[in-house]
């Protein structure tokens, strides 16, 4: 398992942008699939985006339909960090955003990742 610490949340107006960061401990970060989830008040946690470990032919990313075209997930293995660039934010994007890591992309997308961060609050005002 890895230790994950999110940062970058805050208050932003609708249409604005934020970039979340998730710093991971450990020397095996590059082998993990990484993902972002979010949980709004009174709602279940939902998948936002995921990115596979980088292989010889690069990495693949996946997005929830609700954020496709607005959010971009990326990773910097040299910095043991995964990012979530959020553009054109909407009030319905308001939630606590969590970073997750697991060796298996399938496990992550099912919401059963082995490692989770503590979350960072994103609030989008209308």
N, C-alpha and C. Protein backbone atom coordinates (compact mmCIF):
# COMPACT_ATOMS: atom_id res chain seq x y z
N UNK A 1 0.84 -1.18 0.00
CA UNK A 1 0.00 0.00 0.00
C UNK A 1 0.88 1.25 0.00
N UNK A 2 0.27 2.34 -0.43
CA UNK A 2 0.95 3.62 -0.42
C UNK A 2 0.16 4.59 0.42
N UNK A 3 0.85 5.60 0.93
CA UNK A 3 0.19 6.68 1.66
C UNK A 3 -0.09 7.80 0.68
N UNK A 4 -1.30 8.35 0.73
CA UNK A 4 -1.73 9.35 -0.24
C UNK A 4 -2.16 10.62 0.48
N UNK A 5 -1.73 11.76 -0.02
CA UNK A 5 -2.11 13.05 0.56
C UNK A 5 -2.57 13.97 -0.57
N UNK A 6 -3.85 14.37 -0.50
CA UNK A 6 -4.40 15.27 -1.51
C UNK A 6 -4.21 16.74 -1.10
N UNK A 7 -4.19 17.59 -2.11
CA UNK A 7 -4.14 19.03 -1.88
C UNK A 7 -4.71 19.73 -3.11
N UNK A 8 -4.97 21.03 -2.95
CA UNK A 8 -5.42 21.82 -4.10
C UNK A 8 -6.89 22.15 -4.12
N UNK A 9 -7.64 21.63 -3.17
CA UNK A 9 -9.06 21.95 -3.14
C UNK A 9 -9.29 23.40 -2.72
N UNK A 10 -10.53 23.83 -2.83
CA UNK A 10 -10.86 25.20 -2.44
C UNK A 10 -12.21 25.62 -2.96
N UNK A 11 -12.43 26.93 -2.87
CA UNK A 11 -13.68 27.53 -3.34
C UNK A 11 -13.43 28.24 -4.66
N UNK A 12 -14.27 27.97 -5.64
CA UNK A 12 -14.11 28.57 -6.96
C UNK A 12 -15.50 28.85 -7.54
N UNK A 13 -15.58 29.87 -8.37
CA UNK A 13 -16.85 30.18 -9.01
C UNK A 13 -17.11 29.25 -10.18
N UNK A 14 -18.37 29.07 -10.50
CA UNK A 14 -18.74 28.25 -11.65
C UNK A 14 -18.02 28.76 -12.90
N UNK A 15 -17.50 27.81 -13.69
CA UNK A 15 -16.74 28.15 -14.87
C UNK A 15 -15.25 28.24 -14.63
N UNK A 16 -14.86 28.23 -13.38
CA UNK A 16 -13.45 28.33 -13.02
C UNK A 16 -12.74 27.00 -13.08
N UNK A 17 -11.47 27.03 -12.64
CA UNK A 17 -10.62 25.84 -12.70
C UNK A 17 -9.90 25.62 -11.38
N UNK A 18 -9.58 24.38 -11.13
CA UNK A 18 -8.75 23.99 -9.99
C UNK A 18 -7.90 22.80 -10.44
N UNK A 19 -6.74 22.66 -9.80
CA UNK A 19 -5.92 21.48 -10.04
C UNK A 19 -5.66 20.80 -8.70
N UNK A 20 -6.11 19.58 -8.59
CA UNK A 20 -5.86 18.78 -7.40
C UNK A 20 -4.59 17.98 -7.58
N UNK A 21 -3.88 17.81 -6.48
CA UNK A 21 -2.66 16.99 -6.48
C UNK A 21 -2.80 15.89 -5.45
N UNK A 22 -2.18 14.78 -5.72
CA UNK A 22 -2.16 13.66 -4.78
C UNK A 22 -0.73 13.14 -4.73
N UNK A 23 -0.08 13.37 -3.61
CA UNK A 23 1.30 12.92 -3.42
C UNK A 23 1.31 11.56 -2.76
N UNK A 24 2.09 10.65 -3.32
CA UNK A 24 2.14 9.28 -2.82
C UNK A 24 3.51 8.96 -2.27
N UNK A 25 3.52 8.17 -1.22
CA UNK A 25 4.77 7.70 -0.65
C UNK A 25 5.14 6.38 -1.30
N UNK A 26 6.37 5.95 -1.11
CA UNK A 26 6.76 4.64 -1.59
C UNK A 26 7.48 4.68 -2.91
N UNK A 27 8.26 3.65 -3.17
CA UNK A 27 9.09 3.59 -4.36
C UNK A 27 8.42 2.88 -5.52
N UNK A 28 7.19 2.38 -5.29
CA UNK A 28 6.53 1.61 -6.34
C UNK A 28 5.35 2.36 -6.94
N UNK A 29 5.34 3.67 -6.77
CA UNK A 29 4.22 4.47 -7.26
C UNK A 29 3.95 4.21 -8.73
N UNK A 30 4.99 4.09 -9.51
CA UNK A 30 4.82 3.95 -10.96
C UNK A 30 4.06 2.70 -11.34
N UNK A 31 4.00 1.72 -10.46
CA UNK A 31 3.34 0.46 -10.77
C UNK A 31 1.84 0.48 -10.44
N UNK A 32 1.40 1.56 -9.79
CA UNK A 32 0.01 1.61 -9.35
C UNK A 32 -0.87 2.32 -10.38
N UNK A 33 -2.08 1.81 -10.53
CA UNK A 33 -3.13 2.58 -11.17
C UNK A 33 -3.62 3.59 -10.13
N UNK A 34 -3.98 4.78 -10.60
CA UNK A 34 -4.41 5.85 -9.70
C UNK A 34 -5.78 6.36 -10.14
N UNK A 35 -6.52 6.87 -9.19
CA UNK A 35 -7.86 7.36 -9.53
C UNK A 35 -8.29 8.46 -8.60
N UNK A 36 -9.29 9.20 -9.05
CA UNK A 36 -9.97 10.20 -8.22
C UNK A 36 -11.44 9.80 -8.10
N UNK A 37 -11.93 9.91 -6.89
CA UNK A 37 -13.34 9.73 -6.59
C UNK A 37 -13.83 11.00 -5.91
N UNK A 38 -15.14 11.14 -5.81
CA UNK A 38 -15.69 12.27 -5.07
C UNK A 38 -16.96 11.84 -4.36
N UNK A 39 -17.24 12.58 -3.30
CA UNK A 39 -18.46 12.31 -2.53
C UNK A 39 -19.09 13.63 -2.13
N UNK A 40 -20.28 13.86 -2.63
CA UNK A 40 -21.04 15.06 -2.28
C UNK A 40 -21.90 14.76 -1.05
N UNK A 41 -22.29 15.78 -0.30
CA UNK A 41 -23.11 15.57 0.89
C UNK A 41 -24.39 14.79 0.56
N UNK A 42 -24.63 13.74 1.34
CA UNK A 42 -25.84 12.96 1.16
C UNK A 42 -25.82 12.01 -0.01
N UNK A 43 -24.67 11.92 -0.69
CA UNK A 43 -24.58 11.04 -1.86
C UNK A 43 -23.48 10.01 -1.66
N UNK A 44 -23.55 8.96 -2.46
CA UNK A 44 -22.51 7.95 -2.41
C UNK A 44 -21.26 8.43 -3.12
N UNK A 45 -20.15 7.85 -2.74
CA UNK A 45 -18.90 8.15 -3.42
C UNK A 45 -18.98 7.68 -4.87
N UNK A 46 -18.48 8.49 -5.78
CA UNK A 46 -18.55 8.14 -7.20
C UNK A 46 -17.19 8.29 -7.87
N UNK A 47 -17.00 7.47 -8.88
CA UNK A 47 -15.78 7.48 -9.68
C UNK A 47 -15.72 8.75 -10.51
N UNK A 48 -14.53 9.35 -10.60
CA UNK A 48 -14.34 10.55 -11.41
C UNK A 48 -13.40 10.26 -12.58
N UNK A 49 -12.20 9.76 -12.27
CA UNK A 49 -11.21 9.52 -13.31
C UNK A 49 -10.17 8.53 -12.82
N UNK A 50 -9.53 7.85 -13.76
CA UNK A 50 -8.47 6.90 -13.42
C UNK A 50 -7.40 6.93 -14.49
N UNK A 51 -6.20 6.56 -14.08
CA UNK A 51 -5.09 6.47 -15.02
C UNK A 51 -4.28 5.22 -14.71
N UNK A 52 -3.90 4.51 -15.73
CA UNK A 52 -3.15 3.27 -15.52
C UNK A 52 -1.69 3.57 -15.23
N UNK A 53 -0.98 2.56 -14.76
CA UNK A 53 0.46 2.66 -14.64
C UNK A 53 1.04 2.89 -16.03
N UNK A 54 2.16 3.57 -16.10
CA UNK A 54 2.79 3.82 -17.38
C UNK A 54 3.56 2.58 -17.82
N UNK A 55 3.28 2.11 -19.02
CA UNK A 55 3.98 0.96 -19.58
C UNK A 55 4.79 1.42 -20.79
N UNK A 56 5.30 0.45 -21.52
CA UNK A 56 6.15 0.78 -22.67
C UNK A 56 5.39 1.58 -23.72
N UNK A 57 4.08 1.42 -23.74
CA UNK A 57 3.28 2.15 -24.73
C UNK A 57 2.45 3.25 -24.11
N UNK A 58 2.90 3.74 -22.96
CA UNK A 58 2.22 4.87 -22.36
C UNK A 58 1.22 4.46 -21.31
N UNK A 59 0.24 5.30 -21.05
CA UNK A 59 -0.80 5.01 -20.07
C UNK A 59 -2.15 5.37 -20.65
N UNK A 60 -3.18 4.85 -20.05
CA UNK A 60 -4.54 5.13 -20.48
C UNK A 60 -5.31 5.80 -19.36
N UNK A 61 -6.22 6.65 -19.72
CA UNK A 61 -7.04 7.33 -18.73
C UNK A 61 -8.53 7.10 -19.02
N UNK A 62 -9.31 7.19 -17.99
CA UNK A 62 -10.75 6.91 -18.07
C UNK A 62 -11.49 7.96 -17.25
N UNK A 63 -12.67 8.31 -17.70
CA UNK A 63 -13.42 9.38 -17.04
C UNK A 63 -14.89 9.02 -16.90
N UNK A 64 -15.49 9.53 -15.84
CA UNK A 64 -16.94 9.48 -15.73
C UNK A 64 -17.54 10.38 -16.79
N UNK A 65 -18.71 10.01 -17.28
CA UNK A 65 -19.35 10.81 -18.32
C UNK A 65 -19.58 12.25 -17.86
N UNK A 66 -19.83 12.43 -16.58
CA UNK A 66 -20.16 13.76 -16.06
C UNK A 66 -18.99 14.73 -16.10
N UNK A 67 -17.77 14.22 -16.23
CA UNK A 67 -16.60 15.11 -16.23
C UNK A 67 -15.81 15.03 -17.53
N UNK A 68 -16.19 14.14 -18.42
CA UNK A 68 -15.45 13.96 -19.67
C UNK A 68 -15.42 15.26 -20.45
N UNK A 69 -14.24 15.62 -20.91
CA UNK A 69 -14.07 16.87 -21.65
C UNK A 69 -13.78 18.07 -20.78
N UNK A 70 -13.96 17.95 -19.48
CA UNK A 70 -13.71 19.06 -18.55
C UNK A 70 -12.55 18.76 -17.61
N UNK A 71 -12.41 17.51 -17.21
CA UNK A 71 -11.36 17.11 -16.27
C UNK A 71 -10.29 16.31 -17.01
N UNK A 72 -9.05 16.44 -16.52
CA UNK A 72 -7.94 15.67 -17.07
C UNK A 72 -7.11 15.10 -15.93
N UNK A 73 -6.91 13.79 -15.96
CA UNK A 73 -6.04 13.14 -14.97
C UNK A 73 -4.68 12.91 -15.60
N UNK A 74 -3.65 13.12 -14.80
CA UNK A 74 -2.28 12.90 -15.28
C UNK A 74 -1.43 12.46 -14.11
N UNK A 75 -0.25 11.96 -14.42
CA UNK A 75 0.66 11.51 -13.36
C UNK A 75 2.09 11.89 -13.71
N UNK A 76 2.86 12.13 -12.66
CA UNK A 76 4.28 12.42 -12.79
C UNK A 76 5.00 11.43 -11.88
N UNK A 77 5.51 10.36 -12.47
CA UNK A 77 6.13 9.31 -11.66
C UNK A 77 7.40 9.80 -10.98
N UNK A 78 8.08 10.76 -11.55
CA UNK A 78 9.30 11.29 -10.93
C UNK A 78 8.97 12.01 -9.62
N UNK A 79 7.75 12.55 -9.54
CA UNK A 79 7.33 13.27 -8.34
C UNK A 79 6.37 12.46 -7.49
N UNK A 80 6.10 11.22 -7.89
CA UNK A 80 5.14 10.38 -7.16
C UNK A 80 3.81 11.10 -6.94
N UNK A 81 3.34 11.75 -7.99
CA UNK A 81 2.16 12.59 -7.85
C UNK A 81 1.19 12.34 -9.02
N UNK A 82 -0.09 12.35 -8.68
CA UNK A 82 -1.14 12.31 -9.69
C UNK A 82 -1.95 13.59 -9.57
N UNK A 83 -2.40 14.09 -10.70
CA UNK A 83 -3.11 15.36 -10.74
C UNK A 83 -4.52 15.18 -11.32
N UNK A 84 -5.38 16.11 -10.94
CA UNK A 84 -6.69 16.20 -11.58
C UNK A 84 -6.92 17.66 -11.94
N UNK A 85 -6.80 17.97 -13.21
CA UNK A 85 -7.07 19.32 -13.68
C UNK A 85 -8.56 19.42 -13.96
N UNK A 86 -9.22 20.35 -13.29
CA UNK A 86 -10.66 20.50 -13.41
C UNK A 86 -10.98 21.87 -14.01
N UNK A 87 -11.56 21.86 -15.19
CA UNK A 87 -11.94 23.09 -15.88
C UNK A 87 -13.46 23.17 -16.02
N UNK A 88 -13.94 24.36 -16.31
CA UNK A 88 -15.38 24.58 -16.51
C UNK A 88 -16.19 23.97 -15.37
N UNK A 89 -15.77 24.28 -14.16
CA UNK A 89 -16.41 23.68 -12.99
C UNK A 89 -17.85 24.13 -12.85
N UNK A 90 -18.66 23.21 -12.34
CA UNK A 90 -20.09 23.44 -12.14
C UNK A 90 -20.41 23.25 -10.65
N UNK A 91 -21.49 23.87 -10.19
CA UNK A 91 -21.87 23.67 -8.78
C UNK A 91 -22.04 22.20 -8.42
N UNK A 92 -22.47 21.39 -9.37
CA UNK A 92 -22.65 19.96 -9.07
C UNK A 92 -21.34 19.21 -8.95
N UNK A 93 -20.21 19.87 -9.19
CA UNK A 93 -18.90 19.27 -8.95
C UNK A 93 -18.48 19.41 -7.49
N UNK A 94 -19.25 20.15 -6.71
CA UNK A 94 -18.94 20.33 -5.30
C UNK A 94 -18.95 18.99 -4.58
N UNK A 95 -17.85 18.68 -3.91
CA UNK A 95 -17.71 17.39 -3.23
C UNK A 95 -16.36 17.35 -2.52
N UNK A 96 -16.19 16.33 -1.72
CA UNK A 96 -14.86 15.98 -1.22
C UNK A 96 -14.25 15.03 -2.24
N UNK A 97 -13.06 15.37 -2.70
CA UNK A 97 -12.37 14.57 -3.71
C UNK A 97 -11.30 13.71 -3.05
N UNK A 98 -11.32 12.44 -3.39
CA UNK A 98 -10.39 11.47 -2.81
C UNK A 98 -9.50 10.87 -3.90
N UNK A 99 -8.27 10.68 -3.54
CA UNK A 99 -7.30 10.00 -4.38
C UNK A 99 -7.25 8.54 -3.95
N UNK A 100 -7.06 7.64 -4.92
CA UNK A 100 -7.01 6.22 -4.62
C UNK A 100 -5.91 5.56 -5.44
N UNK A 101 -5.35 4.49 -4.88
CA UNK A 101 -4.29 3.76 -5.57
C UNK A 101 -4.49 2.27 -5.39
N UNK A 102 -4.19 1.53 -6.45
CA UNK A 102 -4.23 0.07 -6.38
C UNK A 102 -3.45 -0.48 -7.55
N UNK A 103 -2.97 -1.70 -7.37
CA UNK A 103 -2.24 -2.34 -8.45
C UNK A 103 -3.16 -2.69 -9.61
N UNK A 104 -4.44 -2.80 -9.33
CA UNK A 104 -5.41 -3.21 -10.34
C UNK A 104 -6.35 -2.07 -10.70
N UNK A 105 -6.41 -1.74 -11.99
CA UNK A 105 -7.35 -0.72 -12.46
C UNK A 105 -8.79 -1.18 -12.23
N UNK A 106 -9.04 -2.45 -12.42
CA UNK A 106 -10.39 -2.98 -12.23
C UNK A 106 -10.84 -2.77 -10.78
N UNK A 107 -9.96 -3.08 -9.86
CA UNK A 107 -10.28 -2.93 -8.44
C UNK A 107 -10.56 -1.47 -8.11
N UNK A 108 -9.72 -0.59 -8.66
CA UNK A 108 -9.93 0.84 -8.41
C UNK A 108 -11.29 1.28 -8.91
N UNK A 109 -11.64 0.94 -10.12
CA UNK A 109 -12.88 1.42 -10.72
C UNK A 109 -14.11 0.86 -10.00
N UNK A 110 -13.92 -0.26 -9.30
CA UNK A 110 -15.02 -0.80 -8.48
C UNK A 110 -15.13 -0.09 -7.15
N UNK A 111 -14.19 0.81 -6.88
CA UNK A 111 -14.22 1.55 -5.62
C UNK A 111 -13.60 0.82 -4.47
N UNK A 112 -12.81 -0.21 -4.76
CA UNK A 112 -12.22 -1.03 -3.69
C UNK A 112 -10.71 -0.89 -3.62
N UNK A 113 -10.20 0.28 -3.93
CA UNK A 113 -8.76 0.49 -3.92
C UNK A 113 -8.17 0.20 -2.55
N UNK A 114 -6.91 -0.26 -2.58
CA UNK A 114 -6.25 -0.60 -1.33
C UNK A 114 -5.79 0.61 -0.53
N UNK A 115 -5.58 1.74 -1.21
CA UNK A 115 -5.10 2.94 -0.53
C UNK A 115 -5.97 4.14 -0.90
N UNK A 116 -6.26 4.95 0.12
CA UNK A 116 -7.09 6.15 -0.07
C UNK A 116 -6.45 7.32 0.67
N UNK A 117 -6.62 8.50 0.11
CA UNK A 117 -6.22 9.70 0.81
C UNK A 117 -7.33 10.18 1.74
N UNK A 118 -7.05 11.29 2.42
CA UNK A 118 -8.00 11.81 3.40
C UNK A 118 -9.06 12.71 2.78
N UNK A 119 -8.84 13.11 1.54
CA UNK A 119 -9.81 13.93 0.83
C UNK A 119 -9.50 15.41 0.88
N UNK A 120 -9.96 16.12 -0.14
CA UNK A 120 -9.83 17.57 -0.19
C UNK A 120 -11.15 18.15 -0.69
N UNK A 121 -11.61 19.21 -0.06
CA UNK A 121 -12.92 19.78 -0.36
C UNK A 121 -12.83 20.70 -1.58
N UNK A 122 -13.75 20.49 -2.51
CA UNK A 122 -13.92 21.39 -3.65
C UNK A 122 -15.34 21.94 -3.59
N UNK A 123 -15.43 23.27 -3.58
CA UNK A 123 -16.73 23.92 -3.55
C UNK A 123 -16.84 24.87 -4.73
N UNK A 124 -17.89 24.69 -5.52
CA UNK A 124 -18.11 25.52 -6.70
C UNK A 124 -19.37 26.34 -6.47
N UNK A 125 -19.19 27.64 -6.45
CA UNK A 125 -20.34 28.53 -6.21
C UNK A 125 -20.98 28.94 -7.53
N UNK A 126 -22.28 29.15 -7.49
CA UNK A 126 -23.00 29.53 -8.73
C UNK A 126 -23.04 31.04 -8.90
